[in-house]
Amino acid sequence: MKFLQDLPSVEKKRLLVRVDFDVPIENGKVLDETRIKTSLPSIRFLLDRGAKITLLAHLGRPKGEDQNFSLRLLLPVLERLLSQKVNFFEEFKNAPLETLNLLENLRFWPGEEANDEDFVNKLTTLGDFYVNDAFAVCHRSHASIVGIPQRLPSFAGEHLEKEVKELTRVLKEPSRPLVAIIGGAKLETKLPSIFNLATVADKVLVGGKLMFETKRGALPENVIVAHDDIDTKDIGPLSIGLFRELIKPAKTVIWNGPMGMFEDDKYMKGTREIAVSVVESGAYSVVGGGDTISALNRLNLLNKITFVSTGGGAMLEFLAGKELPGLVALERASQ
């Protein structure tokens, strides 16, 4: 895999940069800027070297063109963070390319998720080089993730490089005890991660909706599932106490998924107590998943975490030992 430092001179060259701008929006306003901020170092690196940049991203899961999911909503945030005008465009034909450009939501075109050849061709007409800095969608075989690297010289962005290094490190060379915490819902996506983490972690703690979905007798012995709850919407005090004791001696913590419905203050306690425990342990901490990041932001604890992964599903698949199509595409492009 090639990285930003491997790029040749990009002065006056057109760079297609796939970023992760899938942020929570409410009433047209961005609620959490974390994912946008993680892309800034790569963007600034390229701007400083005189590149013309077109940012590629998606927002949500729109069914066709839906202005509630338009990337136009992100322009005020992006321009404030970069202190620079961003040219927004919606059509490929005669697309005016300025120093910094943002294409409309990729998922407005069905060719993105279908990895359609014609759509890949349209995207590649906008660039001379490709940079993937969107680890969070590297588990998707979409046009902007796996199609473009087959056509253009391709490189990993700064945040994607960090994601791979950090997640590889905690799986292969963790300081011990290593404690993994898995919460939220979606058992079908999280169960493989639980089993794989059980082979490398000293303890795997399971909370959130997963506590009601898992078959405890079928899990490895070092997987501990929360056993009491509050209204089935948060882990209970006995589980909080047990989890805190197991986290306290940890030297490495991996966390994906909140412990309950943290959006409601009545059910925030489990997530808050676990977050405080992780911070107080002084462990090397890696946290990922949109809901987990939002919860830690609400608690003003995100800056106490060692490394924040923007990946939810991608992080889980990586931790489950699966190959991510986006990373495979970058590897092949560098051969």
Foldseek 3Di string as FASTA:
>chain_A
DAAPVPDDQQAAFEEEEEFEPQADDDPLAGPDCVRVVLQVVQLVVQVVRRHFYEYAYAYDQDDADDVVGWCVSCQVVNCVVVVDHEAEDEDLVVDDTDSHYYYIHPNNDVQFQVLNQVVLVSVPVRGQEYEYAYLQCLQGPTVNQQVNLVPHQYHYYPNNVVLVVVLCCCQPPFDPQEEEEEEADDCVLQVLLQQLVVVRHQAYEYAYLVLVVDDVVVHDPRYHYQDDADVSFAGDPVSLVVLLVVLQQGQEYEYAYARGPCVDVVHVVSRVSNLVSNLNSPHQYEYEDNVNCVSCVVVVNPVSHNYYDDHHSSSSCVSSVHDRSSVVSNVVSVD
